[in-house]
Amino acid sequence: MKKLILLLALIAIGCNAPVTEGHGFWSGGEGDETFVAGPSESTDIYNQFMDAHNAQDIEAVKSLMSEDIQIWHADGRQTEGRAEHLESLQSWFDETNPSFNSFWGMPYVGVKNAETWVIAAHVTTQTIDGVETNSSQMLDLRITDGLVDLIIVYNRDILPPSDEG
């Protein structure tokens, strides 16, 4: 009798196990995915990544990226691999002296494929031909084994204040 009661109790507990229900959606490519909030460690990696960019510390940036990172730029270009990215990143640092002011971020995880992502945004200030410009970027960063391995960049130029009115 005790075994029967134990068995029924286990069945009852098992039937009430929470089901992970995702929100949002991805239906592109082979996708049929929903998402849940992700671990704060992912946001920590994003913050370290942006701190390394602000310090223009190429070695620190390198340590946070996978060898085969892909970057899909807002203008349609794609960067393949860490070496290619670091070379262009150093040139960008040298030419424009950019700085980054992060203003939000949120980690999320795919319910079906368990990919970990951070969606985050920052304002980039850079100097081009002696003129300071600002733009707002939103990034989707996929994080695998603690390293950034894919970045999708979205961009919006911020116009300087008008002298009129």
C-alpha atoms as a PDB file:
ATOM      1  CA  MET A   1       0.000   0.000   0.000  1.00  0.00           C
ATOM      2  CA  LYS A   2       2.839   2.406   0.855  1.00  0.00           C
ATOM      3  CA  LYS A   3       4.399   1.738  -2.543  1.00  0.00           C
ATOM      4  CA  LEU A   4       1.113   2.513  -4.272  1.00  0.00           C
ATOM      5  CA  ILE A   5       0.747   5.792  -2.374  1.00  0.00           C
ATOM      6  CA  LEU A   6       4.353   6.715  -3.223  1.00  0.00           C
ATOM      7  CA  LEU A   7       3.787   5.864  -6.897  1.00  0.00           C
ATOM      8  CA  LEU A   8       0.593   7.956  -7.032  1.00  0.00           C
ATOM      9  CA  ALA A   9       2.356  10.857  -5.307  1.00  0.00           C
ATOM     10  CA  LEU A  10       5.203  10.736  -7.851  1.00  0.00           C
ATOM     11  CA  ILE A  11       2.740  10.642 -10.744  1.00  0.00           C
ATOM     12  CA  ALA A  12       0.838  13.601  -9.303  1.00  0.00           C
ATOM     13  CA  ILE A  13       4.044  15.609  -8.880  1.00  0.00           C
ATOM     14  CA  GLY A  14       5.191  14.691 -12.379  1.00  0.00           C
ATOM     15  CA  CYS A  15       1.894  15.769 -13.883  1.00  0.00           C
ATOM     16  CA  ASN A  16       2.222  19.187 -12.275  1.00  0.00           C
ATOM     17  CA  ALA A  17       5.767  19.815 -13.515  1.00  0.00           C
ATOM     18  CA  PRO A  18       6.047  23.298 -14.990  1.00  0.00           C
ATOM     19  CA  VAL A  19       6.188  23.562 -18.752  1.00  0.00           C
ATOM     20  CA  THR A  20       8.560  26.153 -20.185  1.00  0.00           C
ATOM     21  CA  GLU A  21       6.501  28.391 -22.380  1.00  0.00           C
ATOM     22  CA  GLY A  22       8.379  30.863 -24.509  1.00  0.00           C
ATOM     23  CA  HIS A  23       7.410  34.329 -25.613  1.00  0.00           C
ATOM     24  CA  GLY A  24       8.163  36.227 -28.755  1.00  0.00           C
ATOM     25  CA  PHE A  25       8.991  34.273 -31.878  1.00  0.00           C
ATOM     26  CA  TRP A  26      11.497  33.546 -34.606  1.00  0.00           C
ATOM     27  CA  SER A  27      10.156  32.105 -37.820  1.00  0.00           C
ATOM     28  CA  GLY A  28      12.964  32.894 -40.273  1.00  0.00           C
ATOM     29  CA  GLY A  29      15.119  30.277 -41.948  1.00  0.00           C
ATOM     30  CA  GLU A  30      14.539  26.949 -40.260  1.00  0.00           C
ATOM     31  CA  GLY A  31      13.113  28.697 -37.236  1.00  0.00           C
ATOM     32  CA  ASP A  32      10.093  28.026 -35.174  1.00  0.00           C
ATOM     33  CA  GLU A  33      11.391  29.317 -31.874  1.00  0.00           C
ATOM     34  CA  THR A  34      10.159  31.099 -28.781  1.00  0.00           C
ATOM     35  CA  PHE A  35      12.260  32.657 -26.041  1.00  0.00           C
ATOM     36  CA  VAL A  36      12.529  33.038 -22.279  1.00  0.00           C
ATOM     37  CA  ALA A  37      14.656  35.363 -20.184  1.00  0.00           C
ATOM     38  CA  GLY A  38      18.288  34.283 -20.101  1.00  0.00           C
ATOM     39  CA  PRO A  39      21.036  34.196 -17.490  1.00  0.00           C
ATOM     40  CA  SER A  40      22.520  37.440 -16.188  1.00  0.00           C
ATOM     41  CA  GLU A  41      26.010  36.047 -16.911  1.00  0.00           C
ATOM     42  CA  SER A  42      25.248  36.682 -20.583  1.00  0.00           C
ATOM     43  CA  THR A  43      24.681  40.362 -19.879  1.00  0.00           C
ATOM     44  CA  ASP A  44      27.947  40.376 -17.922  1.00  0.00           C
ATOM     45  CA  ILE A  45      29.758  39.101 -21.036  1.00  0.00           C
ATOM     46  CA  TYR A  46      28.169  41.895 -23.107  1.00  0.00           C
ATOM     47  CA  ASN A  47      29.268  44.486 -20.521  1.00  0.00           C
ATOM     48  CA  GLN A  48      32.832  43.112 -20.489  1.00  0.00           C
ATOM     49  CA  PHE A  49      32.815  43.148 -24.296  1.00  0.00           C
ATOM     50  CA  MET A  50      31.749  46.802 -24.413  1.00  0.00           C
ATOM     51  CA  ASP A  51      34.194  47.775 -21.630  1.00  0.00           C
ATOM     52  CA  ALA A  52      36.998  46.203 -23.688  1.00  0.00           C
ATOM     53  CA  HIS A  53      35.874  48.222 -26.721  1.00  0.00           C
ATOM     54  CA  ASN A  54      35.809  51.443 -24.673  1.00  0.00           C
ATOM     55  CA  ALA A  55      39.336  50.707 -23.440  1.00  0.00           C
ATOM     56  CA  GLN A  56      40.299  49.840 -27.039  1.00  0.00           C
ATOM     57  CA  ASP A  57      41.863  46.716 -25.563  1.00  0.00           C
ATOM     58  CA  ILE A  58      42.166  44.372 -28.538  1.00  0.00           C
ATOM     59  CA  GLU A  59      43.407  41.461 -26.382  1.00  0.00           C
ATOM     60  CA  ALA A  60      40.418  41.744 -24.045  1.00  0.00           C
ATOM     61  CA  VAL A  61      38.022  41.882 -27.017  1.00  0.00           C
ATOM     62  CA  LYS A  62      39.785  38.844 -28.494  1.00  0.00           C
ATOM     63  CA  SER A  63      39.383  36.887 -25.247  1.00  0.00           C
ATOM     64  CA  LEU A  64      35.598  37.314 -25.376  1.00  0.00           C
ATOM     65  CA  MET A  65      35.096  36.162 -28.998  1.00  0.00           C
ATOM     66  CA  SER A  66      35.094  32.734 -30.575  1.00  0.00           C
ATOM     67  CA  GLU A  67      37.709  32.002 -33.240  1.00  0.00           C
ATOM     68  CA  ASP A  68      34.992  31.691 -35.884  1.00  0.00           C
ATOM     69  CA  ILE A  69      32.879  34.714 -34.901  1.00  0.00           C
ATOM     70  CA  GLN A  70      30.574  36.129 -37.540  1.00  0.00           C
ATOM     71  CA  ILE A  71      29.455  39.748 -37.629  1.00  0.00           C
ATOM     72  CA  TRP A  72      26.549  40.833 -39.790  1.00  0.00           C
ATOM     73  CA  HIS A  73      26.909  44.600 -40.147  1.00  0.00           C
ATOM     74  CA  ALA A  74      23.987  46.978 -40.614  1.00  0.00           C
ATOM     75  CA  ASP A  75      25.257  47.967 -44.095  1.00  0.00           C
ATOM     76  CA  GLY A  76      25.145  44.363 -45.330  1.00  0.00           C
ATOM     77  CA  ARG A  77      28.848  43.524 -44.928  1.00  0.00           C
ATOM     78  CA  GLN A  78      29.806  40.355 -43.126  1.00  0.00           C
ATOM     79  CA  THR A  79      32.958  39.707 -41.147  1.00  0.00           C
ATOM     80  CA  GLU A  80      34.075  36.104 -40.856  1.00  0.00           C
ATOM     81  CA  GLY A  81      36.514  35.096 -38.130  1.00  0.00           C
ATOM     82  CA  ARG A  82      38.236  36.693 -35.180  1.00  0.00           C
ATOM     83  CA  ALA A  83      41.438  37.669 -37.028  1.00  0.00           C
ATOM     84  CA  GLU A  84      39.539  39.580 -39.733  1.00  0.00           C
ATOM     85  CA  HIS A  85      37.399  41.351 -37.143  1.00  0.00           C
ATOM     86  CA  LEU A  86      40.303  42.339 -34.904  1.00  0.00           C
ATOM     87  CA  GLU A  87      42.227  43.781 -37.842  1.00  0.00           C
ATOM     88  CA  SER A  88      39.303  45.960 -38.945  1.00  0.00           C
ATOM     89  CA  LEU A  89      38.500  46.841 -35.321  1.00  0.00           C
ATOM     90  CA  GLN A  90      42.043  48.137 -34.709  1.00  0.00           C
ATOM     91  CA  SER A  91      41.819  50.264 -37.870  1.00  0.00           C
ATOM     92  CA  TRP A  92      38.465  51.657 -36.732  1.00  0.00           C
ATOM     93  CA  PHE A  93      39.876  52.487 -33.298  1.00  0.00           C
ATOM     94  CA  ASP A  94      42.871  54.244 -34.895  1.00  0.00           C
ATOM     95  CA  GLU A  95      40.785  56.192 -37.431  1.00  0.00           C
ATOM     96  CA  THR A  96      37.758  57.284 -35.382  1.00  0.00           C
ATOM     97  CA  ASN A  97      38.552  56.840 -31.655  1.00  0.00           C
ATOM     98  CA  PRO A  98      35.049  55.501 -30.921  1.00  0.00           C
ATOM     99  CA  SER A  99      33.431  55.321 -27.498  1.00  0.00           C
ATOM    100  CA  PHE A 100      30.353  53.380 -26.492  1.00  0.00           C
ATOM    101  CA  ASN A 101      27.639  54.270 -24.007  1.00  0.00           C
ATOM    102  CA  SER A 102      25.487  51.202 -23.333  1.00  0.00           C
ATOM    103  CA  PHE A 103      21.964  52.021 -22.231  1.00  0.00           C
ATOM    104  CA  TRP A 104      20.106  48.698 -22.104  1.00  0.00           C
ATOM    105  CA  GLY A 105      20.441  44.981 -22.530  1.00  0.00           C
ATOM    106  CA  MET A 106      18.476  41.808 -21.962  1.00  0.00           C
ATOM    107  CA  PRO A 107      19.573  38.176 -22.146  1.00  0.00           C
ATOM    108  CA  TYR A 108      17.297  35.570 -23.680  1.00  0.00           C
ATOM    109  CA  VAL A 109      17.390  31.865 -24.508  1.00  0.00           C
ATOM    110  CA  GLY A 110      15.643  29.870 -27.215  1.00  0.00           C
ATOM    111  CA  VAL A 111      13.227  27.332 -25.730  1.00  0.00           C
ATOM    112  CA  LYS A 112      13.825  24.687 -28.411  1.00  0.00           C
ATOM    113  CA  ASN A 113      17.447  25.220 -29.479  1.00  0.00           C
ATOM    114  CA  ALA A 114      18.749  26.572 -26.131  1.00  0.00           C
ATOM    115  CA  GLU A 115      20.865  29.265 -27.839  1.00  0.00           C
ATOM    116  CA  THR A 116      21.782  32.090 -25.485  1.00  0.00           C
ATOM    117  CA  TRP A 117      21.541  35.648 -26.784  1.00  0.00           C
ATOM    118  CA  VAL A 118      21.795  39.183 -25.487  1.00  0.00           C
ATOM    119  CA  ILE A 119      19.953  42.008 -27.173  1.00  0.00           C
ATOM    120  CA  ALA A 120      21.501  45.316 -26.177  1.00  0.00           C
ATOM    121  CA  ALA A 121      21.906  48.879 -27.331  1.00  0.00           C
ATOM    122  CA  HIS A 122      24.465  51.640 -27.039  1.00  0.00           C
ATOM    123  CA  VAL A 123      25.335  55.018 -28.508  1.00  0.00           C
ATOM    124  CA  THR A 124      28.605  55.121 -30.442  1.00  0.00           C
ATOM    125  CA  THR A 125      30.455  58.427 -30.583  1.00  0.00           C
ATOM    126  CA  GLN A 126      33.260  58.676 -33.118  1.00  0.00           C
ATOM    127  CA  THR A 127      35.260  61.371 -34.850  1.00  0.00           C
ATOM    128  CA  ILE A 128      35.298  61.256 -38.643  1.00  0.00           C
ATOM    129  CA  ASP A 129      37.292  63.920 -40.531  1.00  0.00           C
ATOM    130  CA  GLY A 130      37.391  66.035 -37.371  1.00  0.00           C
ATOM    131  CA  VAL A 131      33.611  65.905 -36.891  1.00  0.00           C
ATOM    132  CA  GLU A 132      32.103  64.078 -33.924  1.00  0.00           C
ATOM    133  CA  THR A 133      29.144  61.891 -34.873  1.00  0.00           C
ATOM    134  CA  ASN A 134      26.753  59.769 -32.871  1.00  0.00           C
ATOM    135  CA  SER A 135      24.783  56.716 -33.833  1.00  0.00           C
ATOM    136  CA  SER A 136      22.695  54.250 -31.927  1.00  0.00           C
ATOM    137  CA  GLN A 137      23.383  50.561 -32.388  1.00  0.00           C
ATOM    138  CA  MET A 138      21.327  47.636 -31.296  1.00  0.00           C
ATOM    139  CA  LEU A 139      23.131  44.319 -31.203  1.00  0.00           C
ATOM    140  CA  ASP A 140      21.971  40.744 -31.056  1.00  0.00           C
ATOM    141  CA  LEU A 141      24.902  38.762 -29.653  1.00  0.00           C
ATOM    142  CA  ARG A 142      24.820  34.973 -29.558  1.00  0.00           C
ATOM    143  CA  ILE A 143      26.937  33.579 -26.738  1.00  0.00           C
ATOM    144  CA  THR A 144      28.202  30.015 -26.919  1.00  0.00           C
ATOM    145  CA  ASP A 145      30.426  28.490 -24.221  1.00  0.00           C
ATOM    146  CA  GLY A 146      30.972  31.944 -22.709  1.00  0.00           C
ATOM    147  CA  LEU A 147      32.176  33.526 -25.980  1.00  0.00           C
ATOM    148  CA  VAL A 148      30.472  35.836 -28.457  1.00  0.00           C
ATOM    149  CA  ASP A 149      30.193  33.910 -31.729  1.00  0.00           C
ATOM    150  CA  LEU A 150      27.640  35.915 -33.726  1.00  0.00           C
ATOM    151  CA  ILE A 151      26.765  39.606 -33.714  1.00  0.00           C
ATOM    152  CA  ILE A 152      23.938  41.116 -35.728  1.00  0.00           C
ATOM    153  CA  VAL A 153      24.257  44.912 -35.858  1.00  0.00           C
ATOM    154  CA  TYR A 154      21.402  47.359 -36.411  1.00  0.00           C
ATOM    155  CA  ASN A 155      22.185  51.065 -36.765  1.00  0.00           C
ATOM    156  CA  ARG A 156      20.403  54.412 -36.533  1.00  0.00           C
ATOM    157  CA  ASP A 157      22.247  57.661 -37.156  1.00  0.00           C
ATOM    158  CA  ILE A 158      21.573  60.386 -34.624  1.00  0.00           C
ATOM    159  CA  LEU A 159      21.374  63.803 -36.234  1.00  0.00           C
ATOM    160  CA  PRO A 160      23.177  66.687 -34.534  1.00  0.00           C
ATOM    161  CA  PRO A 161      20.969  69.245 -32.792  1.00  0.00           C
ATOM    162  CA  SER A 162      19.497  71.800 -35.179  1.00  0.00           C
ATOM    163  CA  ASP A 163      20.494  75.471 -34.920  1.00  0.00           C
ATOM    164  CA  GLU A 164      16.928  76.360 -35.860  1.00  0.00           C
ATOM    165  CA  GLY A 165      14.195  76.998 -33.375  1.00  0.00           C
END
